[in-house]
Amino acid sequence: MKILINYAHPNNSRSLLNKALCASLQGLENVTLNDLYANYPDFIIDVKREQQLCEEHDVIVFQHPFYWYSTPAIIKEWFDLVLEYGWAYGSSGKALEGKSYFHCITAASEDSTYQKNGSNIFTIKELTTPMQATANLCKMNWFPPFMVLGVHRDIPVERVQQYAEDYRRVIIAFRDEKINLQLCKNRKYLNDDLDQLIKRI
């Protein structure tokens, strides 16, 4: 399987965690890192290029921080422009049909805050329903996000390395079709108990 990582962080130089996640994917065959802010600093997105990238890959991932319970602005712009009627959806829009799709999200708050009684009131699942609805409209296979929570605190180097290693494991498992897709769909987060999700040979 070929994996496309659409990466979006407007302050990339300040995000040690996201840089570590990206670095963990360096050198992986059939994995393409597409840095949206680096490629389109003026927000003028090359729609045909982005559509071709999607067509050439089997799994599409959006990696980004959680900005105001959503994505950085350039991902919304990407959705608005790239997911054209007749290409991504509609009676003849089948370019993304059957492809796998998930988000890798870093968020400042702890998991306990994303609960009915938490300070953020709503769960991550509830807050990411627009992404899931997009997958449904485009007939893609939606998976829960790979979540890294509590990044407002200083995360120990060991934890950063563990998140990076887990991210690499997930991407390789999707690429090599060694992940239990049915179990994944029932998980709260994609990186919950990877030893159970990833098939051993």
N, C-alpha and C. Protein backbone atom coordinates (compact mmCIF):
# COMPACT_ATOMS: atom_id res chain seq x y z
N MET A 1 0.84 -1.19 0.00
CA MET A 1 0.00 0.00 0.00
C MET A 1 0.88 1.25 0.00
N LYS A 2 0.42 2.30 -0.66
CA LYS A 2 1.14 3.56 -0.68
C LYS A 2 0.44 4.56 0.23
N ILE A 3 1.25 5.22 1.08
CA ILE A 3 0.71 6.11 2.12
C ILE A 3 1.06 7.56 1.80
N LEU A 4 0.07 8.44 1.85
CA LEU A 4 0.27 9.88 1.68
C LEU A 4 0.04 10.57 3.01
N ILE A 5 1.05 11.28 3.50
CA ILE A 5 0.93 12.07 4.74
C ILE A 5 0.83 13.54 4.35
N ASN A 6 -0.35 14.12 4.49
CA ASN A 6 -0.53 15.55 4.27
C ASN A 6 -0.28 16.25 5.60
N TYR A 7 0.89 16.86 5.72
CA TYR A 7 1.32 17.46 6.98
C TYR A 7 1.04 18.96 6.97
N ALA A 8 0.47 19.46 8.07
CA ALA A 8 0.15 20.89 8.14
C ALA A 8 0.41 21.42 9.54
N HIS A 9 1.46 22.23 9.67
CA HIS A 9 1.75 22.93 10.93
C HIS A 9 2.32 24.29 10.58
N PRO A 10 1.58 25.39 10.89
CA PRO A 10 2.04 26.73 10.51
C PRO A 10 3.28 27.19 11.27
N ASN A 11 3.60 26.53 12.41
CA ASN A 11 4.79 26.86 13.19
C ASN A 11 5.66 25.63 13.36
N ASN A 12 6.01 25.03 12.25
CA ASN A 12 6.70 23.75 12.27
C ASN A 12 7.99 23.79 13.09
N SER A 13 8.74 24.89 13.01
CA SER A 13 10.02 24.96 13.70
C SER A 13 9.87 24.90 15.22
N ARG A 14 8.67 25.22 15.73
CA ARG A 14 8.44 25.25 17.18
C ARG A 14 7.83 23.94 17.70
N SER A 15 7.46 23.04 16.81
CA SER A 15 6.79 21.82 17.24
C SER A 15 7.76 20.65 17.27
N LEU A 16 8.40 20.44 18.41
CA LEU A 16 9.35 19.34 18.53
C LEU A 16 8.66 18.00 18.34
N LEU A 17 7.43 17.89 18.82
CA LEU A 17 6.72 16.63 18.73
C LEU A 17 6.36 16.29 17.28
N ASN A 18 5.80 17.25 16.55
CA ASN A 18 5.44 16.98 15.16
C ASN A 18 6.68 16.72 14.30
N LYS A 19 7.75 17.42 14.61
CA LYS A 19 9.00 17.16 13.88
C LYS A 19 9.49 15.74 14.14
N ALA A 20 9.34 15.28 15.38
CA ALA A 20 9.75 13.91 15.71
C ALA A 20 8.87 12.89 15.00
N LEU A 21 7.57 13.16 14.93
CA LEU A 21 6.66 12.26 14.22
C LEU A 21 7.04 12.16 12.74
N CYS A 22 7.30 13.31 12.13
CA CYS A 22 7.70 13.31 10.71
C CYS A 22 9.03 12.61 10.51
N ALA A 23 9.98 12.87 11.41
CA ALA A 23 11.31 12.27 11.28
C ALA A 23 11.24 10.75 11.36
N SER A 24 10.27 10.24 12.12
CA SER A 24 10.16 8.78 12.26
C SER A 24 9.79 8.09 10.95
N LEU A 25 9.28 8.86 10.00
CA LEU A 25 8.84 8.28 8.72
C LEU A 25 9.90 8.38 7.63
N GLN A 26 10.99 9.08 7.92
CA GLN A 26 12.03 9.28 6.92
C GLN A 26 12.60 7.93 6.47
N GLY A 27 12.74 7.80 5.15
CA GLY A 27 13.34 6.60 4.59
C GLY A 27 12.39 5.44 4.36
N LEU A 28 11.11 5.60 4.74
CA LEU A 28 10.16 4.52 4.54
C LEU A 28 9.72 4.46 3.07
N GLU A 29 9.81 3.30 2.48
CA GLU A 29 9.37 3.13 1.09
C GLU A 29 7.86 3.24 1.00
N ASN A 30 7.39 3.81 -0.11
CA ASN A 30 5.97 3.95 -0.40
C ASN A 30 5.23 4.86 0.59
N VAL A 31 5.99 5.75 1.26
CA VAL A 31 5.40 6.74 2.15
C VAL A 31 5.82 8.13 1.66
N THR A 32 4.85 8.97 1.34
CA THR A 32 5.11 10.32 0.81
C THR A 32 4.69 11.36 1.84
N LEU A 33 5.61 12.23 2.23
CA LEU A 33 5.30 13.33 3.14
C LEU A 33 5.07 14.60 2.32
N ASN A 34 3.86 15.12 2.40
CA ASN A 34 3.46 16.29 1.63
C ASN A 34 3.21 17.44 2.60
N ASP A 35 4.21 18.34 2.75
CA ASP A 35 4.14 19.45 3.70
C ASP A 35 3.36 20.60 3.07
N LEU A 36 2.12 20.76 3.48
CA LEU A 36 1.23 21.72 2.83
C LEU A 36 1.67 23.17 3.03
N TYR A 37 2.10 23.53 4.24
CA TYR A 37 2.53 24.92 4.47
C TYR A 37 3.83 25.23 3.74
N ALA A 38 4.72 24.25 3.64
CA ALA A 38 5.98 24.47 2.91
C ALA A 38 5.72 24.59 1.41
N ASN A 39 4.80 23.77 0.90
CA ASN A 39 4.52 23.78 -0.54
C ASN A 39 3.65 24.94 -0.97
N TYR A 40 2.79 25.41 -0.06
CA TYR A 40 1.85 26.48 -0.42
C TYR A 40 1.84 27.59 0.63
N PRO A 41 2.95 28.30 0.81
CA PRO A 41 3.00 29.37 1.82
C PRO A 41 2.03 30.50 1.52
N ASP A 42 1.62 30.63 0.26
CA ASP A 42 0.67 31.66 -0.13
C ASP A 42 -0.76 31.14 -0.19
N PHE A 43 -0.96 29.85 0.21
CA PHE A 43 -2.28 29.20 0.21
C PHE A 43 -2.84 28.98 -1.19
N ILE A 44 -2.02 29.15 -2.21
CA ILE A 44 -2.48 28.88 -3.57
C ILE A 44 -2.18 27.41 -3.86
N ILE A 45 -3.15 26.56 -3.63
CA ILE A 45 -2.97 25.12 -3.71
C ILE A 45 -3.08 24.64 -5.15
N ASP A 46 -2.15 23.80 -5.55
CA ASP A 46 -2.17 23.19 -6.87
C ASP A 46 -3.13 22.01 -6.82
N VAL A 47 -4.36 22.26 -7.21
CA VAL A 47 -5.42 21.26 -7.05
C VAL A 47 -5.11 20.00 -7.83
N LYS A 48 -4.67 20.12 -9.06
CA LYS A 48 -4.40 18.94 -9.88
C LYS A 48 -3.27 18.11 -9.29
N ARG A 49 -2.24 18.77 -8.75
CA ARG A 49 -1.14 18.04 -8.11
C ARG A 49 -1.65 17.25 -6.91
N GLU A 50 -2.46 17.91 -6.09
CA GLU A 50 -2.98 17.25 -4.89
C GLU A 50 -3.92 16.10 -5.24
N GLN A 51 -4.72 16.29 -6.25
CA GLN A 51 -5.61 15.20 -6.68
C GLN A 51 -4.81 14.02 -7.22
N GLN A 52 -3.76 14.31 -7.96
CA GLN A 52 -2.92 13.24 -8.49
C GLN A 52 -2.24 12.47 -7.36
N LEU A 53 -1.75 13.20 -6.35
CA LEU A 53 -1.14 12.54 -5.20
C LEU A 53 -2.14 11.59 -4.53
N CYS A 54 -3.36 12.05 -4.36
CA CYS A 54 -4.39 11.21 -3.74
C CYS A 54 -4.67 9.97 -4.58
N GLU A 55 -4.74 10.16 -5.88
CA GLU A 55 -5.02 9.04 -6.77
C GLU A 55 -3.90 7.99 -6.75
N GLU A 56 -2.67 8.46 -6.50
CA GLU A 56 -1.51 7.57 -6.53
C GLU A 56 -1.29 6.81 -5.22
N HIS A 57 -2.06 7.14 -4.18
CA HIS A 57 -1.86 6.53 -2.87
C HIS A 57 -3.12 5.82 -2.40
N ASP A 58 -2.93 4.84 -1.53
CA ASP A 58 -4.04 4.01 -1.04
C ASP A 58 -4.55 4.47 0.32
N VAL A 59 -3.67 5.08 1.11
CA VAL A 59 -4.02 5.55 2.45
C VAL A 59 -3.68 7.03 2.53
N ILE A 60 -4.64 7.84 2.98
CA ILE A 60 -4.43 9.29 3.07
C ILE A 60 -4.53 9.70 4.53
N VAL A 61 -3.46 10.33 5.02
CA VAL A 61 -3.36 10.75 6.42
C VAL A 61 -3.18 12.26 6.47
N PHE A 62 -3.86 12.91 7.40
CA PHE A 62 -3.64 14.33 7.67
C PHE A 62 -3.01 14.43 9.05
N GLN A 63 -1.80 14.95 9.12
CA GLN A 63 -1.09 15.12 10.39
C GLN A 63 -1.06 16.61 10.73
N HIS A 64 -1.54 16.96 11.92
CA HIS A 64 -1.67 18.38 12.26
C HIS A 64 -1.98 18.56 13.74
N PRO A 65 -1.75 19.77 14.26
CA PRO A 65 -2.22 20.10 15.61
C PRO A 65 -3.72 20.36 15.59
N PHE A 66 -4.35 20.23 16.77
CA PHE A 66 -5.78 20.49 16.92
C PHE A 66 -5.97 21.97 17.17
N TYR A 67 -6.37 22.72 16.13
CA TYR A 67 -6.56 24.17 16.26
C TYR A 67 -8.05 24.47 16.40
N TRP A 68 -8.44 25.01 17.54
CA TRP A 68 -9.84 25.35 17.79
C TRP A 68 -10.77 24.19 17.43
N TYR A 69 -10.38 23.01 17.94
CA TYR A 69 -11.19 21.80 17.77
C TYR A 69 -11.32 21.39 16.31
N SER A 70 -10.37 21.78 15.52
CA SER A 70 -10.41 21.47 14.10
C SER A 70 -8.98 21.38 13.57
N THR A 71 -8.80 21.69 12.31
CA THR A 71 -7.50 21.63 11.65
C THR A 71 -6.93 23.02 11.43
N PRO A 72 -5.63 23.14 11.18
CA PRO A 72 -5.09 24.42 10.71
C PRO A 72 -5.78 24.84 9.41
N ALA A 73 -5.76 26.13 9.15
CA ALA A 73 -6.56 26.70 8.05
C ALA A 73 -6.26 26.08 6.70
N ILE A 74 -5.02 25.71 6.44
CA ILE A 74 -4.68 25.23 5.10
C ILE A 74 -5.34 23.89 4.78
N ILE A 75 -5.63 23.09 5.81
CA ILE A 75 -6.33 21.83 5.54
C ILE A 75 -7.77 22.10 5.14
N LYS A 76 -8.42 23.05 5.80
CA LYS A 76 -9.78 23.43 5.38
C LYS A 76 -9.77 23.95 3.95
N GLU A 77 -8.75 24.75 3.60
CA GLU A 77 -8.61 25.23 2.22
C GLU A 77 -8.40 24.06 1.27
N TRP A 78 -7.61 23.08 1.70
CA TRP A 78 -7.36 21.88 0.89
C TRP A 78 -8.67 21.16 0.62
N PHE A 79 -9.47 20.95 1.66
CA PHE A 79 -10.77 20.29 1.49
C PHE A 79 -11.65 21.07 0.52
N ASP A 80 -11.71 22.39 0.71
CA ASP A 80 -12.59 23.23 -0.11
C ASP A 80 -12.24 23.16 -1.60
N LEU A 81 -10.93 23.10 -1.90
CA LEU A 81 -10.49 23.17 -3.29
C LEU A 81 -10.27 21.81 -3.94
N VAL A 82 -9.66 20.90 -3.21
CA VAL A 82 -9.24 19.62 -3.81
C VAL A 82 -10.41 18.65 -3.95
N LEU A 83 -11.31 18.62 -2.97
CA LEU A 83 -12.41 17.65 -3.00
C LEU A 83 -13.55 18.16 -3.89
N GLU A 84 -13.29 18.19 -5.17
CA GLU A 84 -14.23 18.74 -6.13
C GLU A 84 -15.38 17.76 -6.42
N TYR A 85 -16.54 18.34 -6.67
CA TYR A 85 -17.68 17.54 -7.13
C TYR A 85 -17.33 16.91 -8.49
N GLY A 86 -17.64 15.66 -8.63
CA GLY A 86 -17.31 14.97 -9.88
C GLY A 86 -15.96 14.28 -9.82
N TRP A 87 -15.17 14.62 -8.80
CA TRP A 87 -13.89 13.94 -8.58
C TRP A 87 -13.92 13.19 -7.25
N ALA A 88 -14.23 13.91 -6.17
CA ALA A 88 -14.22 13.29 -4.84
C ALA A 88 -15.58 12.75 -4.44
N TYR A 89 -16.63 13.33 -4.94
CA TYR A 89 -17.98 12.90 -4.57
C TYR A 89 -18.95 13.21 -5.71
N GLY A 90 -20.20 12.80 -5.56
CA GLY A 90 -21.16 12.94 -6.64
C GLY A 90 -21.27 11.63 -7.41
N SER A 91 -22.19 11.56 -8.33
CA SER A 91 -22.44 10.31 -9.05
C SER A 91 -21.23 9.82 -9.83
N SER A 92 -20.39 10.74 -10.29
CA SER A 92 -19.19 10.33 -11.04
C SER A 92 -17.89 10.59 -10.26
N GLY A 93 -18.01 11.05 -9.03
CA GLY A 93 -16.82 11.36 -8.23
C GLY A 93 -16.37 10.19 -7.39
N LYS A 94 -15.50 9.37 -7.94
CA LYS A 94 -15.10 8.13 -7.27
C LYS A 94 -13.59 7.99 -7.10
N ALA A 95 -12.87 9.10 -7.18
CA ALA A 95 -11.41 9.04 -7.13
C ALA A 95 -10.88 8.55 -5.79
N LEU A 96 -11.63 8.79 -4.73
CA LEU A 96 -11.17 8.43 -3.38
C LEU A 96 -11.87 7.19 -2.83
N GLU A 97 -12.79 6.66 -3.57
CA GLU A 97 -13.59 5.53 -3.09
C GLU A 97 -12.71 4.34 -2.69
N GLY A 98 -12.95 3.83 -1.49
CA GLY A 98 -12.23 2.65 -1.02
C GLY A 98 -10.88 2.94 -0.37
N LYS A 99 -10.41 4.18 -0.44
CA LYS A 99 -9.13 4.50 0.18
C LYS A 99 -9.30 4.65 1.69
N SER A 100 -8.25 4.34 2.43
CA SER A 100 -8.28 4.49 3.89
C SER A 100 -7.89 5.92 4.26
N TYR A 101 -8.45 6.40 5.37
CA TYR A 101 -8.28 7.81 5.73
C TYR A 101 -8.32 7.97 7.26
N PHE A 102 -7.30 8.65 7.80
CA PHE A 102 -7.33 9.00 9.22
C PHE A 102 -6.46 10.23 9.46
N HIS A 103 -6.57 10.78 10.67
CA HIS A 103 -5.81 11.95 11.07
C HIS A 103 -4.84 11.57 12.18
N CYS A 104 -3.68 12.21 12.18
CA CYS A 104 -2.73 12.15 13.29
C CYS A 104 -2.77 13.53 13.92
N ILE A 105 -3.27 13.61 15.16
CA ILE A 105 -3.56 14.90 15.78
C ILE A 105 -2.79 15.07 17.08
N THR A 106 -2.16 16.23 17.21
CA THR A 106 -1.54 16.60 18.48
C THR A 106 -2.41 17.68 19.13
N ALA A 107 -2.67 17.51 20.43
CA ALA A 107 -3.56 18.45 21.13
C ALA A 107 -2.97 18.84 22.48
N ALA A 108 -3.21 20.07 22.87
CA ALA A 108 -2.62 20.60 24.11
C ALA A 108 -3.19 19.95 25.35
N SER A 109 -4.50 19.73 25.37
CA SER A 109 -5.16 19.26 26.58
C SER A 109 -5.04 17.76 26.78
N GLU A 110 -5.24 17.34 28.00
CA GLU A 110 -5.23 15.92 28.33
C GLU A 110 -6.53 15.26 27.86
N ASP A 111 -6.51 13.94 27.76
CA ASP A 111 -7.69 13.19 27.32
C ASP A 111 -8.88 13.43 28.24
N SER A 112 -8.61 13.60 29.54
CA SER A 112 -9.69 13.78 30.51
C SER A 112 -10.51 15.04 30.27
N THR A 113 -9.96 16.00 29.55
CA THR A 113 -10.70 17.24 29.28
C THR A 113 -11.67 17.07 28.12
N TYR A 114 -11.46 16.04 27.30
CA TYR A 114 -12.34 15.79 26.15
C TYR A 114 -13.41 14.76 26.53
N GLN A 115 -14.22 15.13 27.52
CA GLN A 115 -15.31 14.30 28.01
C GLN A 115 -16.51 15.20 28.29
N LYS A 116 -17.66 14.59 28.46
CA LYS A 116 -18.89 15.36 28.72
C LYS A 116 -18.72 16.27 29.93
N ASN A 117 -18.04 15.77 30.95
CA ASN A 117 -17.84 16.56 32.17
C ASN A 117 -16.49 17.26 32.22
N GLY A 118 -15.73 17.20 31.11
CA GLY A 118 -14.43 17.85 31.05
C GLY A 118 -14.54 19.29 30.59
N SER A 119 -13.43 20.00 30.63
CA SER A 119 -13.45 21.42 30.27
C SER A 119 -13.77 21.66 28.80
N ASN A 120 -13.51 20.67 27.94
CA ASN A 120 -13.82 20.83 26.51
C ASN A 120 -15.20 20.28 26.13
N ILE A 121 -15.89 19.69 27.09
CA ILE A 121 -17.29 19.25 26.98
C ILE A 121 -17.49 18.07 26.02
N PHE A 122 -16.86 18.13 24.85
CA PHE A 122 -17.08 17.11 23.83
C PHE A 122 -15.89 16.15 23.73
N THR A 123 -16.15 14.94 23.27
CA THR A 123 -15.09 13.96 23.06
C THR A 123 -14.38 14.22 21.74
N ILE A 124 -13.20 13.63 21.59
CA ILE A 124 -12.48 13.72 20.31
C ILE A 124 -13.33 13.13 19.20
N LYS A 125 -14.01 12.04 19.47
CA LYS A 125 -14.86 11.42 18.45
C LYS A 125 -15.94 12.39 17.98
N GLU A 126 -16.55 13.10 18.92
CA GLU A 126 -17.59 14.06 18.55
C GLU A 126 -17.00 15.23 17.77
N LEU A 127 -15.84 15.71 18.18
CA LEU A 127 -15.24 16.87 17.54
C LEU A 127 -14.69 16.55 16.15
N THR A 128 -14.41 15.29 15.88
CA THR A 128 -13.89 14.91 14.56
C THR A 128 -14.98 14.36 13.63
N THR A 129 -16.24 14.50 14.01
CA THR A 129 -17.31 14.00 13.13
C THR A 129 -17.34 14.68 11.75
N PRO A 130 -16.97 15.97 11.60
CA PRO A 130 -16.93 16.52 10.24
C PRO A 130 -15.93 15.79 9.34
N MET A 131 -14.81 15.34 9.93
CA MET A 131 -13.83 14.58 9.16
C MET A 131 -14.41 13.22 8.76
N GLN A 132 -15.12 12.59 9.68
CA GLN A 132 -15.73 11.31 9.38
C GLN A 132 -16.84 11.47 8.34
N ALA A 133 -17.59 12.56 8.42
CA ALA A 133 -18.64 12.82 7.43
C ALA A 133 -18.03 13.04 6.05
N THR A 134 -16.87 13.68 6.01
CA THR A 134 -16.16 13.87 4.73
C THR A 134 -15.77 12.53 4.14
N ALA A 135 -15.25 11.64 4.99
CA ALA A 135 -14.89 10.30 4.53
C ALA A 135 -16.10 9.57 3.98
N ASN A 136 -17.22 9.70 4.67
CA ASN A 136 -18.45 9.03 4.23
C ASN A 136 -18.91 9.54 2.88
N LEU A 137 -18.88 10.87 2.70
CA LEU A 137 -19.33 11.46 1.44
C LEU A 137 -18.45 11.00 0.27
N CYS A 138 -17.14 10.87 0.54
CA CYS A 138 -16.19 10.47 -0.50
C CYS A 138 -16.02 8.96 -0.59
N LYS A 139 -16.83 8.22 0.20
CA LYS A 139 -16.80 6.74 0.19
C LYS A 139 -15.43 6.18 0.55
N MET A 140 -14.79 6.84 1.53
CA MET A 140 -13.50 6.38 2.03
C MET A 140 -13.71 5.58 3.31
N ASN A 141 -12.71 4.78 3.66
CA ASN A 141 -12.75 4.01 4.90
C ASN A 141 -12.15 4.84 6.02
N TRP A 142 -12.99 5.26 6.96
CA TRP A 142 -12.58 6.13 8.06
C TRP A 142 -12.04 5.32 9.22
N PHE A 143 -10.94 5.81 9.81
CA PHE A 143 -10.40 5.20 11.01
C PHE A 143 -10.23 6.28 12.07
N PRO A 144 -10.34 5.92 13.35
CA PRO A 144 -10.17 6.92 14.41
C PRO A 144 -8.77 7.51 14.36
N PRO A 145 -8.59 8.70 14.92
CA PRO A 145 -7.29 9.37 14.80
C PRO A 145 -6.20 8.74 15.66
N PHE A 146 -4.96 8.93 15.21
CA PHE A 146 -3.78 8.68 16.04
C PHE A 146 -3.63 9.92 16.88
N MET A 147 -3.82 9.81 18.20
CA MET A 147 -3.87 10.99 19.07
C MET A 147 -2.65 11.11 19.97
N VAL A 148 -2.12 12.33 20.04
CA VAL A 148 -1.08 12.67 21.00
C VAL A 148 -1.63 13.83 21.82
N LEU A 149 -1.95 13.55 23.09
CA LEU A 149 -2.63 14.53 23.93
C LEU A 149 -1.72 15.06 25.03
N GLY A 150 -2.07 16.23 25.56
CA GLY A 150 -1.31 16.82 26.65
C GLY A 150 0.01 17.45 26.24
N VAL A 151 0.09 17.97 25.02
CA VAL A 151 1.37 18.49 24.53
C VAL A 151 1.66 19.91 25.05
N HIS A 152 0.73 20.49 25.84
CA HIS A 152 1.02 21.81 26.42
C HIS A 152 2.04 21.70 27.55
N ARG A 153 2.22 20.50 28.05
CA ARG A 153 3.24 20.28 29.08
C ARG A 153 4.54 19.84 28.42
N ASP A 154 5.62 19.94 29.15
CA ASP A 154 6.90 19.46 28.63
C ASP A 154 6.88 17.93 28.64
N ILE A 155 6.83 17.35 27.46
CA ILE A 155 6.78 15.90 27.36
C ILE A 155 8.20 15.35 27.44
N PRO A 156 8.46 14.38 28.30
CA PRO A 156 9.80 13.79 28.38
C PRO A 156 10.25 13.25 27.03
N VAL A 157 11.54 13.32 26.79
CA VAL A 157 12.11 12.84 25.53
C VAL A 157 11.70 11.39 25.25
N GLU A 158 11.66 10.60 26.31
CA GLU A 158 11.30 9.19 26.13
C GLU A 158 9.88 9.03 25.60
N ARG A 159 8.96 9.87 26.09
CA ARG A 159 7.57 9.80 25.60
C ARG A 159 7.48 10.26 24.15
N VAL A 160 8.21 11.31 23.81
CA VAL A 160 8.23 11.78 22.42
C VAL A 160 8.72 10.67 21.50
N GLN A 161 9.78 10.00 21.90
CA GLN A 161 10.33 8.90 21.11
C GLN A 161 9.33 7.76 20.98
N GLN A 162 8.58 7.50 22.06
CA GLN A 162 7.58 6.42 22.01
C GLN A 162 6.45 6.76 21.05
N TYR A 163 5.97 8.01 21.11
CA TYR A 163 4.93 8.43 20.16
C TYR A 163 5.42 8.31 18.72
N ALA A 164 6.66 8.72 18.48
CA ALA A 164 7.23 8.66 17.13
C ALA A 164 7.35 7.21 16.66
N GLU A 165 7.79 6.34 17.55
CA GLU A 165 7.92 4.92 17.19
C GLU A 165 6.55 4.30 16.93
N ASP A 166 5.56 4.64 17.75
CA ASP A 166 4.21 4.13 17.54
C ASP A 166 3.63 4.61 16.21
N TYR A 167 3.88 5.87 15.88
CA TYR A 167 3.40 6.42 14.60
C TYR A 167 4.04 5.67 13.44
N ARG A 168 5.33 5.44 13.53
CA ARG A 168 6.03 4.69 12.48
C ARG A 168 5.44 3.27 12.36
N ARG A 169 5.17 2.64 13.49
CA ARG A 169 4.60 1.29 13.47
C ARG A 169 3.24 1.27 12.78
N VAL A 170 2.40 2.27 13.07
CA VAL A 170 1.07 2.34 12.46
C VAL A 170 1.18 2.51 10.96
N ILE A 171 2.02 3.42 10.52
CA ILE A 171 2.18 3.68 9.09
C ILE A 171 2.71 2.44 8.37
N ILE A 172 3.69 1.79 8.94
CA ILE A 172 4.23 0.57 8.33
C ILE A 172 3.17 -0.53 8.29
N ALA A 173 2.38 -0.64 9.35
CA ALA A 173 1.35 -1.68 9.40
C ALA A 173 0.28 -1.46 8.32
N PHE A 174 -0.12 -0.20 8.12
CA PHE A 174 -1.06 0.09 7.04
C PHE A 174 -0.41 -0.20 5.68
N ARG A 175 0.83 0.23 5.54
CA ARG A 175 1.53 0.01 4.26
C ARG A 175 1.63 -1.47 3.91
N ASP A 176 1.98 -2.27 4.90
CA ASP A 176 2.22 -3.69 4.66
C ASP A 176 0.97 -4.55 4.89
N GLU A 177 -0.17 -3.89 5.13
CA GLU A 177 -1.45 -4.59 5.34
C GLU A 177 -1.34 -5.61 6.48
N LYS A 178 -0.73 -5.16 7.58
CA LYS A 178 -0.56 -6.01 8.75
C LYS A 178 -1.27 -5.43 9.97
N ILE A 179 -2.32 -4.66 9.71
CA ILE A 179 -3.08 -4.08 10.80
C ILE A 179 -4.51 -4.60 10.73
N ASN A 180 -5.09 -4.90 11.87
CA ASN A 180 -6.45 -5.42 11.93
C ASN A 180 -7.42 -4.25 11.76
N LEU A 181 -7.91 -4.07 10.55
CA LEU A 181 -8.72 -2.89 10.22
C LEU A 181 -10.03 -2.88 11.00
N GLN A 182 -10.63 -4.04 11.20
CA GLN A 182 -11.90 -4.09 11.92
C GLN A 182 -11.73 -3.67 13.37
N LEU A 183 -10.66 -4.16 14.01
CA LEU A 183 -10.39 -3.76 15.40
C LEU A 183 -10.12 -2.26 15.49
N CYS A 184 -9.39 -1.74 14.49
CA CYS A 184 -9.06 -0.30 14.49
C CYS A 184 -10.32 0.55 14.53
N LYS A 185 -11.31 0.17 13.76
CA LYS A 185 -12.52 0.99 13.65
C LYS A 185 -13.28 1.08 14.97
N ASN A 186 -13.07 0.10 15.83
CA ASN A 186 -13.78 0.08 17.10
C ASN A 186 -13.00 0.72 18.24
N ARG A 187 -11.81 1.23 17.95
CA ARG A 187 -10.98 1.82 18.98
C ARG A 187 -11.30 3.31 19.16
N LYS A 188 -11.02 3.80 20.36
CA LYS A 188 -11.18 5.23 20.63
C LYS A 188 -10.15 6.01 19.82
N TYR A 189 -8.88 5.56 19.91
CA TYR A 189 -7.80 6.16 19.15
C TYR A 189 -7.03 5.05 18.44
N LEU A 190 -6.45 5.39 17.32
CA LEU A 190 -5.77 4.40 16.50
C LEU A 190 -4.54 3.82 17.20
N ASN A 191 -3.94 4.60 18.09
CA ASN A 191 -2.72 4.15 18.76
C ASN A 191 -2.99 3.51 20.12
N ASP A 192 -4.22 3.05 20.35
CA ASP A 192 -4.52 2.30 21.56
C ASP A 192 -4.11 0.84 21.38
N ASP A 193 -3.23 0.34 22.23
CA ASP A 193 -2.84 -1.07 22.27
C ASP A 193 -2.42 -1.59 20.89
N LEU A 194 -1.33 -1.04 20.38
CA LEU A 194 -0.86 -1.41 19.04
C LEU A 194 -0.48 -2.88 18.93
N ASP A 195 -0.02 -3.47 20.02
CA ASP A 195 0.38 -4.88 19.96
C ASP A 195 -0.80 -5.77 19.58
N GLN A 196 -2.00 -5.36 19.95
CA GLN A 196 -3.18 -6.14 19.60
C GLN A 196 -3.65 -5.83 18.18
N LEU A 197 -3.44 -4.60 17.73
CA LEU A 197 -3.91 -4.19 16.41
C LEU A 197 -3.03 -4.68 15.27
N ILE A 198 -1.73 -4.74 15.53
CA ILE A 198 -0.79 -5.08 14.45
C ILE A 198 -0.55 -6.58 14.42
N LYS A 199 -0.76 -7.15 13.25
CA LYS A 199 -0.64 -8.60 13.08
C LYS A 199 0.83 -9.01 13.11
N ARG A 200 1.08 -10.11 13.76
CA ARG A 200 2.42 -10.67 13.78
C ARG A 200 2.55 -11.77 12.73
N ILE A 201 3.74 -11.89 12.17
CA ILE A 201 3.95 -12.93 11.16
C ILE A 201 4.92 -13.97 11.72
